Protein backbone atom coordinates (compact mmCIF):
# COMPACT_ATOMS: atom_id res chain seq x y z
CA UNK A 1 203.05 -84.65 3.11
CA UNK A 2 201.80 -84.36 6.68
CA UNK A 3 204.28 -83.40 9.39
CA UNK A 4 201.95 -83.95 12.34
CA UNK A 5 201.51 -80.19 12.59
CA UNK A 6 199.08 -77.65 11.21
CA UNK A 7 199.79 -76.43 7.66
CA UNK A 8 202.26 -73.55 8.00
CA UNK A 9 201.08 -69.94 7.87
CA UNK A 10 201.60 -68.05 4.60
CA UNK A 11 202.43 -64.33 4.65
CA UNK A 12 201.07 -64.17 8.19
CA UNK A 13 197.80 -65.92 7.26
CA UNK A 14 196.74 -68.96 9.30
CA UNK A 15 193.20 -70.24 8.71
CA UNK A 16 193.42 -73.55 10.59
CA UNK A 17 191.76 -73.28 13.99
CA UNK A 18 188.50 -74.08 15.76
CA UNK A 19 185.63 -72.18 14.12
CA UNK A 20 183.08 -72.56 16.91
CA UNK A 21 182.66 -69.03 18.29
CA UNK A 22 181.62 -70.19 21.76
CA UNK A 23 184.72 -72.42 22.11
CA UNK A 24 187.79 -71.22 24.04
CA UNK A 25 189.96 -72.42 21.15
CA UNK A 26 188.23 -70.24 18.56
CA UNK A 27 190.89 -68.54 16.46
CA UNK A 28 193.81 -70.29 18.22
CA UNK A 29 196.30 -72.05 15.94
CA UNK A 30 198.50 -73.88 18.44
CA UNK A 31 198.70 -77.66 17.83
CA UNK A 32 198.32 -78.40 21.56
CA UNK A 33 194.63 -77.46 21.37
CA UNK A 34 193.83 -80.06 18.68
CA UNK A 35 194.04 -83.72 17.77
CA UNK A 36 195.79 -84.13 14.42
CA UNK A 37 195.80 -87.33 12.36
CA UNK A 38 196.50 -88.29 8.76
CA UNK A 39 196.40 -92.09 8.89
CA UNK A 40 192.68 -92.46 8.10
CA UNK A 41 191.40 -90.25 5.23
CA UNK A 42 187.78 -91.01 6.16
CA UNK A 43 188.19 -89.30 9.54
CA UNK A 44 188.74 -85.58 10.27
CA UNK A 45 192.35 -84.45 10.16
CA UNK A 46 191.77 -81.85 12.88
CA UNK A 47 189.57 -82.17 16.00
CA UNK A 48 189.25 -79.51 18.68
CA UNK A 49 190.04 -80.93 22.14
CA UNK A 50 187.67 -78.44 23.78
CA UNK A 51 184.39 -78.67 21.81
CA UNK A 52 184.91 -81.64 19.47
CA UNK A 53 184.50 -79.57 16.29
CA UNK A 54 186.30 -80.88 13.22
CA UNK A 55 187.11 -77.92 10.92
CA UNK A 56 188.75 -79.13 7.66
CA UNK A 57 192.40 -78.26 7.13
CA UNK A 58 193.41 -75.68 4.54
CA UNK A 59 196.68 -74.99 2.75
CA UNK A 60 197.29 -71.33 3.64
CA UNK A 61 199.68 -70.82 0.74
CA UNK A 62 196.98 -72.16 -1.60
CA UNK A 63 194.52 -69.52 -0.32
CA UNK A 64 197.10 -66.77 -0.93
CA UNK A 65 197.70 -68.09 -4.46
CA UNK A 66 193.97 -68.12 -5.18
CA UNK A 67 193.65 -64.58 -3.82
CA UNK A 68 196.43 -63.44 -6.17
CA UNK A 69 194.77 -65.23 -9.11
CA UNK A 70 191.44 -63.52 -8.46
CA UNK A 71 193.04 -60.09 -8.14
CA UNK A 72 194.98 -60.57 -11.35
CA UNK A 73 191.86 -61.76 -13.17
CA UNK A 74 189.85 -58.70 -12.09
CA UNK A 75 192.46 -55.96 -12.51
CA UNK A 76 195.11 -57.43 -14.82
CA UNK A 77 194.23 -55.05 -17.70
CA UNK A 78 193.96 -51.89 -15.59
CA UNK A 79 196.75 -49.30 -15.82
CA UNK A 80 199.09 -49.91 -12.87
CA UNK A 81 202.77 -50.19 -11.97
CA UNK A 82 204.21 -53.52 -13.17
CA UNK A 83 207.50 -53.42 -11.22
CA UNK A 84 207.52 -56.36 -8.80
CA UNK A 85 208.52 -55.33 -5.31
CA UNK A 86 207.40 -51.73 -5.85
CA UNK A 87 205.02 -50.28 -3.25
CA UNK A 88 202.55 -49.45 -6.03
CA UNK A 89 202.80 -52.80 -7.82
CA UNK A 90 199.40 -53.89 -9.14
CA UNK A 91 197.56 -50.86 -7.71
CA UNK A 92 195.42 -49.33 -10.50
CA UNK A 93 195.75 -45.66 -11.29
CA UNK A 94 191.97 -45.26 -11.16
CA UNK A 95 191.81 -46.10 -7.45
CA UNK A 96 195.35 -45.27 -6.23
CA UNK A 97 196.19 -41.94 -7.86
CA UNK A 98 198.39 -40.96 -4.93
CA UNK A 99 201.08 -43.34 -6.23
CA UNK A 100 201.34 -41.86 -9.74
CA UNK A 101 202.10 -38.72 -11.77
CA UNK A 102 200.45 -37.95 -15.11
CA UNK A 103 203.41 -38.06 -17.52
CA UNK A 104 202.28 -36.80 -20.90
CA UNK A 105 200.71 -38.83 -23.69
CA UNK A 106 201.60 -41.65 -26.02
CA UNK A 107 199.56 -40.79 -29.09
CA UNK A 108 196.06 -40.24 -27.70
CA UNK A 109 196.65 -42.35 -24.59
CA UNK A 110 197.57 -41.05 -21.15
CA UNK A 111 201.03 -41.96 -19.83
CA UNK A 112 201.79 -42.25 -16.09
CA UNK A 113 204.94 -42.47 -13.98
CA UNK A 114 205.17 -44.32 -10.66
CA UNK A 115 206.32 -42.08 -7.80
CA UNK A 116 208.22 -44.93 -6.15
CA UNK A 117 210.16 -46.77 -8.89
CA UNK A 118 209.88 -44.09 -11.65
CA UNK A 119 208.59 -46.71 -14.14
CA UNK A 120 206.32 -45.35 -16.87
CA UNK A 121 203.34 -47.03 -18.49
CA UNK A 122 200.40 -46.15 -20.73
CA UNK A 123 196.70 -46.45 -19.92
CA UNK A 124 195.51 -48.20 -23.05
CA UNK A 125 191.84 -47.55 -22.20
CA UNK A 126 192.21 -43.78 -21.80
CA UNK A 127 191.48 -42.93 -25.44
CA UNK A 128 188.18 -43.06 -27.32
CA UNK A 129 187.01 -46.51 -28.35
CA UNK A 130 187.63 -46.83 -32.13
CA UNK A 131 185.39 -49.92 -32.28
CA UNK A 132 182.47 -48.40 -30.39
CA UNK A 133 179.84 -48.91 -33.10
CA UNK A 134 180.41 -52.59 -33.82
CA UNK A 135 180.90 -53.46 -30.13
CA UNK A 136 177.69 -51.67 -29.20
CA UNK A 137 175.78 -53.62 -31.86
CA UNK A 138 177.45 -56.86 -30.74
CA UNK A 139 176.39 -56.34 -27.11
CA UNK A 140 172.86 -55.39 -28.14
CA UNK A 141 172.47 -58.63 -30.08
CA UNK A 142 174.06 -60.66 -27.27
CA UNK A 143 171.77 -59.24 -24.59
CA UNK A 144 168.70 -59.97 -26.71
CA UNK A 145 169.54 -63.67 -26.85
CA UNK A 146 171.03 -64.07 -30.33
CA UNK A 147 173.44 -67.02 -30.69
CA UNK A 148 177.07 -66.41 -31.60
CA UNK A 149 176.68 -67.71 -35.15
CA UNK A 150 173.78 -65.33 -35.85
CA UNK A 151 175.70 -62.36 -34.38
CA UNK A 152 178.71 -63.17 -36.56
CA UNK A 153 176.49 -63.40 -39.64
CA UNK A 154 174.81 -60.05 -38.98
CA UNK A 155 178.06 -58.21 -38.21
CA UNK A 156 180.07 -59.97 -40.96
CA UNK A 157 182.76 -61.20 -38.57
CA UNK A 158 184.16 -64.65 -37.78
CA UNK A 159 183.89 -66.32 -34.33
CA UNK A 160 187.50 -65.51 -33.39
CA UNK A 161 186.85 -61.81 -34.00
CA UNK A 162 183.66 -62.09 -31.93
CA UNK A 163 185.56 -63.43 -28.91
CA UNK A 164 188.34 -60.86 -29.39
CA UNK A 165 185.71 -58.12 -29.22
CA UNK A 166 184.24 -59.75 -26.11
CA UNK A 167 187.63 -59.68 -24.36
CA UNK A 168 188.11 -56.00 -25.24
CA UNK A 169 184.59 -55.10 -24.04
CA UNK A 170 185.20 -56.94 -20.75
CA UNK A 171 188.46 -55.03 -20.20
CA UNK A 172 186.71 -51.70 -20.79
CA UNK A 173 183.93 -52.72 -18.39
CA UNK A 174 186.45 -53.58 -15.66
CA UNK A 175 188.12 -50.23 -16.23
CA UNK A 176 184.77 -48.41 -16.07
CA UNK A 177 183.75 -50.15 -12.83
CA UNK A 178 187.03 -49.66 -10.94
CA UNK A 179 186.33 -46.04 -9.98
CA UNK A 180 182.62 -46.74 -9.30
CA UNK A 181 183.54 -49.62 -6.98
CA UNK A 182 185.88 -47.27 -5.09
CA UNK A 183 183.00 -44.81 -4.56
CA UNK A 184 180.77 -47.67 -3.41
CA UNK A 185 183.27 -48.57 -0.68
CA UNK A 186 183.34 -44.95 0.46
CA UNK A 187 179.61 -44.23 0.39
CA UNK A 188 177.97 -47.56 1.26
CA UNK A 189 179.63 -48.24 4.62
CA UNK A 190 176.28 -48.59 6.41
CA UNK A 191 174.71 -50.87 3.81
CA UNK A 192 174.34 -54.61 4.48
CA UNK A 193 175.93 -56.96 1.96
CA UNK A 194 174.77 -60.34 0.71
CA UNK A 195 176.38 -63.35 -0.97
CA UNK A 196 174.90 -65.90 -3.35
CA UNK A 197 176.36 -69.20 -4.56
CA UNK A 198 175.15 -71.12 -7.59
CA UNK A 199 176.40 -73.14 -10.56
CA UNK A 200 177.75 -71.12 -13.48
CA UNK A 201 176.12 -73.38 -16.07
CA UNK A 202 173.09 -75.08 -14.50
CA UNK A 203 172.73 -77.73 -17.24
CA UNK A 204 176.38 -78.72 -17.55
CA UNK A 205 177.35 -80.52 -14.29
CA UNK A 206 180.93 -79.33 -14.92
CA UNK A 207 181.64 -78.46 -11.29
CA UNK A 208 182.04 -74.69 -11.81
CA UNK A 209 180.48 -72.68 -8.97
CA UNK A 210 179.81 -68.93 -9.09
CA UNK A 211 180.03 -66.84 -5.90
CA UNK A 212 178.88 -63.21 -5.86
CA UNK A 213 178.92 -60.60 -3.08
CA UNK A 214 177.32 -57.17 -3.23
CA UNK A 215 174.76 -54.74 -1.83
CA UNK A 216 171.84 -56.64 -0.32
CA UNK A 217 169.17 -54.02 -1.00
CA UNK A 218 169.90 -52.71 -4.49
CA UNK A 219 171.92 -55.58 -5.98
CA UNK A 220 175.14 -53.68 -6.76
CA UNK A 221 177.65 -56.49 -7.31
CA UNK A 222 181.07 -55.76 -5.80
CA UNK A 223 182.86 -59.12 -6.08
CA UNK A 224 182.36 -62.30 -8.05
CA UNK A 225 184.50 -65.28 -8.93
CA UNK A 226 184.29 -68.87 -10.14
CA UNK A 227 186.29 -71.88 -8.96
CA UNK A 228 187.91 -72.43 -12.34
CA UNK A 229 191.27 -71.46 -13.83
CA UNK A 230 191.79 -71.69 -17.58
CA UNK A 231 195.58 -71.29 -17.24
CA UNK A 232 196.32 -74.23 -14.93
CA UNK A 233 196.40 -77.97 -15.52
CA UNK A 234 194.44 -80.40 -13.40
CA UNK A 235 196.48 -82.71 -11.10
CA UNK A 236 196.45 -86.44 -11.76
CA UNK A 237 195.47 -87.47 -8.23
CA UNK A 238 194.18 -86.11 -4.95
CA UNK A 239 196.93 -84.41 -2.96
CA UNK A 240 196.87 -83.89 0.81
CA UNK A 241 196.44 -80.42 2.25
CA UNK A 242 200.21 -80.01 2.75
CA UNK A 243 201.00 -80.35 -0.99
CA UNK A 244 201.76 -77.33 -3.18
CA UNK A 245 198.75 -77.82 -5.47
CA UNK A 246 196.23 -78.69 -2.74
CA UNK A 247 193.85 -76.01 -4.06
CA UNK A 248 193.53 -77.73 -7.45
CA UNK A 249 190.85 -80.38 -7.94
CA UNK A 250 191.64 -83.58 -9.90
CA UNK A 251 189.07 -85.47 -11.94
CA UNK A 252 188.40 -87.90 -9.09
CA UNK A 253 184.89 -87.96 -7.65
CA UNK A 254 182.61 -90.40 -5.85
CA UNK A 255 179.75 -90.87 -8.30
CA UNK A 256 176.24 -91.27 -6.96
CA UNK A 257 173.60 -93.79 -7.89
CA UNK A 258 170.15 -92.53 -8.85
CA UNK A 259 167.83 -92.29 -5.88
CA UNK A 260 164.56 -90.56 -5.10
CA UNK A 261 164.84 -87.66 -2.67
CA UNK A 262 161.50 -86.16 -1.60
CA UNK A 263 161.24 -82.37 -1.46
CA UNK A 264 161.02 -81.01 2.11
CA UNK A 265 157.43 -80.00 2.87
CA UNK A 266 158.30 -77.15 5.27
CA UNK A 267 161.06 -74.59 5.78
CA UNK A 268 162.22 -76.40 8.93
CA UNK A 269 162.52 -79.64 6.97
CA UNK A 270 164.43 -77.78 4.25
CA UNK A 271 166.94 -76.41 6.77
CA UNK A 272 167.40 -79.82 8.42
CA UNK A 273 167.76 -81.51 5.02
CA UNK A 274 170.56 -79.10 4.13
CA UNK A 275 172.39 -79.91 7.36
CA UNK A 276 172.06 -83.63 6.59
CA UNK A 277 173.49 -83.07 3.11
CA UNK A 278 176.43 -81.11 4.55
CA UNK A 279 177.25 -83.83 7.07
CA UNK A 280 177.27 -86.40 4.25
CA UNK A 281 180.40 -84.72 2.87
CA UNK A 282 183.77 -86.00 4.00
CA UNK A 283 184.81 -82.31 4.05
CA UNK A 284 181.94 -80.07 5.16
CA UNK A 285 183.47 -77.07 3.32
CA UNK A 286 183.85 -78.90 0.00
CA UNK A 287 180.69 -79.51 -2.01
CA UNK A 288 182.46 -82.18 -4.09
CA UNK A 289 183.42 -84.57 -1.28
CA UNK A 290 180.04 -86.31 -1.37
CA UNK A 291 178.61 -88.60 -4.05
CA UNK A 292 178.21 -86.35 -7.09
CA UNK A 293 178.38 -86.46 -10.88
CA UNK A 294 180.89 -84.06 -12.50
CA UNK A 295 181.74 -83.71 -16.20
CA UNK A 296 185.19 -82.23 -15.69
CA UNK A 297 186.10 -79.35 -18.09
CA UNK A 298 188.23 -80.49 -21.03
CA UNK A 299 190.53 -77.49 -20.63
CA UNK A 300 191.79 -75.74 -17.51
CA UNK A 301 191.37 -76.81 -13.92
CA UNK A 302 188.74 -76.67 -11.19
CA UNK A 303 189.68 -74.95 -7.93
CA UNK A 304 188.46 -76.46 -4.69
CA UNK A 305 185.48 -74.25 -3.74
CA UNK A 306 186.72 -73.53 -0.23
CA UNK A 307 189.86 -71.84 -1.59
CA UNK A 308 187.82 -69.68 -3.98
CA UNK A 309 185.39 -68.67 -1.19
CA UNK A 310 188.10 -67.89 1.37
CA UNK A 311 189.96 -65.80 -1.23
CA UNK A 312 186.84 -63.74 -2.06
CA UNK A 313 186.21 -62.94 1.60
CA UNK A 314 189.87 -62.02 2.08
CA UNK A 315 189.38 -59.51 -0.74
CA UNK A 316 186.23 -58.27 0.97
CA UNK A 317 188.19 -57.85 4.21
CA UNK A 318 190.80 -55.71 2.43
CA UNK A 319 188.16 -53.57 0.73
CA UNK A 320 186.05 -52.96 3.87
CA UNK A 321 188.93 -52.30 6.27
CA UNK A 322 187.56 -48.80 6.93
CA UNK A 323 183.99 -49.95 7.65
CA UNK A 324 183.01 -49.73 11.31
CA UNK A 325 180.53 -52.61 10.96
CA UNK A 326 179.94 -55.32 8.39
CA UNK A 327 176.67 -57.19 7.95
CA UNK A 328 176.56 -60.05 5.42
CA UNK A 329 173.48 -62.14 4.54
CA UNK A 330 174.28 -65.68 3.39
CA UNK A 331 172.47 -68.70 1.95
CA UNK A 332 172.60 -71.74 4.22
CA UNK A 333 175.99 -73.11 3.15
CA UNK A 334 178.69 -73.99 5.74
CA UNK A 335 181.36 -73.33 3.11
CA UNK A 336 180.50 -69.61 3.24
CA UNK A 337 180.01 -69.74 6.99
CA UNK A 338 183.48 -71.15 7.61
CA UNK A 339 185.09 -68.72 5.17
CA UNK A 340 183.56 -65.59 6.67
CA UNK A 341 184.05 -66.75 10.29
CA UNK A 342 187.71 -67.52 9.60
CA UNK A 343 188.53 -64.35 7.67
CA UNK A 344 186.65 -61.96 9.97
CA UNK A 345 187.42 -63.71 13.28
CA UNK A 346 188.74 -60.55 14.98
CA UNK A 347 185.76 -58.45 13.95
CA UNK A 348 183.38 -61.22 15.03
CA UNK A 349 184.95 -61.26 18.49
CA UNK A 350 184.56 -57.47 18.64
CA UNK A 351 180.94 -57.80 17.45
CA UNK A 352 181.70 -55.70 14.35
CA UNK A 353 180.80 -58.44 11.86
CA UNK A 354 177.34 -59.98 11.53
CA UNK A 355 177.04 -63.01 9.20
CA UNK A 356 173.42 -64.15 8.97
CA UNK A 357 171.93 -67.22 7.26
CA UNK A 358 168.72 -66.45 5.34
CA UNK A 359 166.25 -69.05 4.07
CA UNK A 360 162.75 -68.28 2.75
CA UNK A 361 160.18 -69.87 0.49
CA UNK A 362 158.76 -68.47 -2.73
CA UNK A 363 155.66 -67.06 -1.00
CA UNK A 364 157.54 -64.67 1.27
CA UNK A 365 157.23 -60.98 0.31
CA UNK A 366 160.41 -58.93 0.73
CA UNK A 367 160.48 -56.62 3.80
CA UNK A 368 157.31 -58.19 5.19
CA UNK A 369 157.11 -58.05 9.00
CA UNK A 370 157.45 -61.09 11.24
CA UNK A 371 154.62 -61.72 13.70
CA UNK A 372 155.14 -64.94 15.62
CA UNK A 373 158.80 -65.99 15.93
CA UNK A 374 159.87 -69.50 16.95
CA UNK A 375 163.45 -70.09 18.14
CA UNK A 376 165.10 -73.48 17.51
CA UNK A 377 168.59 -74.90 18.01
CA UNK A 378 169.46 -77.07 15.02
CA UNK A 379 172.18 -79.46 13.83
CA UNK A 380 175.47 -80.53 15.35
CA UNK A 381 176.51 -76.84 15.44
CA UNK A 382 173.50 -75.95 17.64
CA UNK A 383 172.73 -73.00 15.39
CA UNK A 384 170.09 -70.67 16.81
CA UNK A 385 167.41 -70.24 14.13
CA UNK A 386 164.43 -67.88 14.19
CA UNK A 387 161.41 -69.03 12.14
CA UNK A 388 158.30 -67.08 11.19
CA UNK A 389 155.28 -67.95 9.05
CA UNK A 390 152.29 -66.14 7.53
CA UNK A 391 149.97 -68.57 5.82
CA UNK A 392 152.08 -70.24 3.13
CA UNK A 393 154.87 -67.64 3.41
CA UNK A 394 157.78 -68.65 5.65
CA UNK A 395 161.23 -67.30 6.45
CA UNK A 396 164.09 -68.20 8.78
CA UNK A 397 167.34 -66.51 9.83
CA UNK A 398 170.33 -67.54 11.93
CA UNK A 399 172.99 -65.15 13.26
CA UNK A 400 176.23 -67.12 13.02
CA UNK A 401 177.83 -64.98 15.73
CA UNK A 402 175.21 -66.27 18.21
CA UNK A 403 173.82 -62.78 18.83
CA UNK A 404 170.13 -62.38 19.62
CA UNK A 405 167.53 -59.75 20.39
CA UNK A 406 167.11 -58.42 16.83
CA UNK A 407 165.37 -61.42 15.24
CA UNK A 408 162.30 -59.43 14.13
CA UNK A 409 164.50 -56.84 12.40
CA UNK A 410 166.66 -59.48 10.69
CA UNK A 411 163.61 -61.43 9.53
CA UNK A 412 162.25 -58.28 7.92
CA UNK A 413 165.46 -56.96 6.37
CA UNK A 414 167.79 -59.91 5.72
CA UNK A 415 167.68 -61.18 2.15
CA UNK A 416 169.89 -62.57 -0.60
CA UNK A 417 167.19 -62.07 -3.26
CA UNK A 418 168.93 -59.21 -5.12
CA UNK A 419 172.11 -61.25 -5.68
CA UNK A 420 170.13 -64.38 -6.62
CA UNK A 421 168.12 -62.30 -9.11
CA UNK A 422 171.40 -61.05 -10.63
CA UNK A 423 172.59 -64.61 -11.23
CA UNK A 424 169.21 -65.73 -12.57
CA UNK A 425 169.15 -62.86 -15.06
CA UNK A 426 172.64 -63.80 -16.27
CA UNK A 427 171.45 -67.35 -16.97
CA UNK A 428 168.35 -66.01 -18.73
CA UNK A 429 170.12 -63.41 -20.91
CA UNK A 430 172.90 -65.69 -22.13
CA UNK A 431 171.15 -69.04 -22.11
CA UNK A 432 172.09 -69.87 -25.72
CA UNK A 433 175.78 -69.16 -25.09
CA UNK A 434 175.88 -70.89 -21.69
CA UNK A 435 174.19 -74.03 -23.00
CA UNK A 436 176.42 -74.52 -26.05
CA UNK A 437 177.62 -78.17 -25.87
CA UNK A 438 181.31 -77.25 -26.26
CA UNK A 439 180.99 -74.36 -23.77
CA UNK A 440 179.90 -76.78 -21.08
CA UNK A 441 183.37 -78.33 -21.06
CA UNK A 442 185.23 -75.07 -21.82
CA UNK A 443 183.76 -72.55 -19.34
CA UNK A 444 186.71 -70.15 -19.67
CA UNK A 445 184.95 -68.43 -22.57
CA UNK A 446 182.28 -67.15 -20.15
CA UNK A 447 184.74 -65.15 -18.00
CA UNK A 448 184.54 -61.99 -20.17
CA UNK A 449 180.76 -62.29 -20.14
CA UNK A 450 180.72 -62.22 -16.31
CA UNK A 451 182.69 -58.95 -16.27
CA UNK A 452 180.42 -57.40 -18.90
CA UNK A 453 177.26 -58.46 -17.11
CA UNK A 454 178.46 -57.11 -13.74
CA UNK A 455 179.12 -53.70 -15.31
CA UNK A 456 175.78 -53.75 -17.15
CA UNK A 457 173.92 -54.77 -13.98
CA UNK A 458 175.51 -52.08 -11.82
CA UNK A 459 175.42 -49.19 -14.28
CA UNK A 460 172.77 -49.92 -16.94
CA UNK A 461 170.08 -52.27 -15.60
CA UNK A 462 167.04 -50.33 -14.38
CA UNK A 463 164.45 -51.53 -11.89
CA UNK A 464 160.71 -50.90 -12.24
CA UNK A 465 161.26 -47.27 -11.20
CA UNK A 466 163.91 -46.69 -13.86
CA UNK A 467 166.81 -46.60 -11.38
CA UNK A 468 170.06 -48.54 -11.63
CA UNK A 469 171.89 -49.99 -8.58
CA UNK A 470 174.61 -47.33 -8.98
CA UNK A 471 171.98 -44.56 -9.04
CA UNK A 472 170.16 -45.93 -6.01
CA UNK A 473 173.40 -45.85 -4.04
CA UNK A 474 174.34 -42.34 -5.18
CA UNK A 475 177.24 -43.54 -7.33
CA UNK A 476 175.86 -42.32 -10.67
CA UNK A 477 173.50 -39.53 -11.75
CA UNK A 478 171.82 -41.37 -14.61
CA UNK A 479 171.64 -44.85 -16.16
CA UNK A 480 174.51 -45.72 -18.48
CA UNK A 481 173.74 -46.66 -22.06
CA UNK A 482 175.80 -49.29 -23.88
CA UNK A 483 177.59 -46.42 -25.61
CA UNK A 484 178.49 -44.89 -22.21
CA UNK A 485 179.70 -48.27 -20.99
CA UNK A 486 181.95 -48.84 -24.01
CA UNK A 487 183.24 -45.28 -24.50
C-alpha cells in the first residue's frame, strides 16, 4: 500500500529516480524532487519536477528477489558452500577457489572444505559421466530436430527418463561453462556487449520473454533469463508497487481487438512506430500494460519483465566491476534502456558506460561503412539518432548517454545480430519441442534446454571458418564435441 513516499531501498539498492541523463534530478531519490500520486492508476505514479519525466516505480525488494532467483537458477547445482551467512555462501568452487580447500574424495568425487565455516561438501560433477553414451546420443537426436517421442523410442526410455537426462545434461553444461565464463570476464574487457529480447516460444503467446546478453562480435552468450518462475504461484489480482509480490504478474490483461497495422515503409517510420507503441503502454517499461493477448501458463508464474531485465543488468554490473569501460548495444526497447541507465548510473555519469540503440533493415551488411549521416531528435525523450542509407540498406544508432562525435564508428560496428542469430537458431533447432501444445502452457520444461544450448553455442557451434565463439575469444583451443561437453 502506498505511503506517499518512494518504495524503500532494499540492501542499499534504490532504483526509483529520474532517468533522464540531462536532468539535474538524474539518480536522485529524494521525494522532494518528484510528484507522487496513487489515486489515479491511469496516471504516472512518479513525475520529475525538473524535466517532467515519468519513470515507472519499482519495488526494490522485488528486484533483489528476482536477482537471487536468477543466480540460484544458474548456479544452484554448482559445488559451493551452503552455509547461510558464510562469506563463501553460494560462491562456486570453479570460480572462487580462494575460499576452499580440496579435502579428499568421496568415492570418485572431489570433496571440498570451506575456509570460513569449515563446512564440507562434494562436487557431484567432478567424476566421469557414467551416462555419457546415452546422453550424447540423446543430444544428437535432439539437435537434429527429432521429437521427444521418437527419441524415447530410439533410446528405449520413457518420457520421464528423457527429462531426467535433460536436467542432468543441463547441470553438467552449467558446470562446464562456469570456468569459461570466468575467463571471458578476464580476457574480454575491451569487447563490446550486446543484448537481445524476444519471445521464448514465438507461436504460444504465453507472455514468456527471453533476454540474452553476450559478446557483440562473436556471439558468446554470458547471461540469459526468462521472466517465468516454475516454483511460484501467480497472484489473484494486480498489486501496487509497494506490495511484497509486486514482481509477480497476475492473469489480468487488457485484450486487444483485431486491427490492421501497416508495416513502416522506412527505418525512420519503424523507429517512430516503436516509440508510439511504447507510449501506448500505461507503464513504458512493461510490455504487458498495453492491449495484448496472453495465454497465461497453466503452471508457474510470469515475472514482470522490468524486474527480470533489471536483475540481469545487476548481475552484469557485478560481473564487469573490473572493466574500465562497458559498451552495450541494445534493440530499441525502453525497458532495456531504463534498466541499464538505472543500474549503471554512476558509470554513465563518469562516461564509462555506453548503451547504444541499434536498428537496421535486412539489407544492411554487417561492418559496412556509413557515408551520409543524418542526425534527428525523436520522441518525447528527444533521443539523438544517427541514420545512414545505401540504396535499400539502412541503419540507425542512438547513444543513450547523449554522447556524439563517433556516429560513423558506431554505425559501422554496433550490432545485435550475433545475439539475435543465437535466439533464432534455438527456435530453429528445437522447433518441435517448443511448439508442443502442452509445452506452450508449461514453459518450465524448456529451462534445461536453454542452459544446454548456451553451452553448445559457446563451446561447440562453429562459424563458416570452423571457429567457435570461445575459440575466437581465446577461451578454448579447439571446438568441443558433445562428448567433451558431457564428460
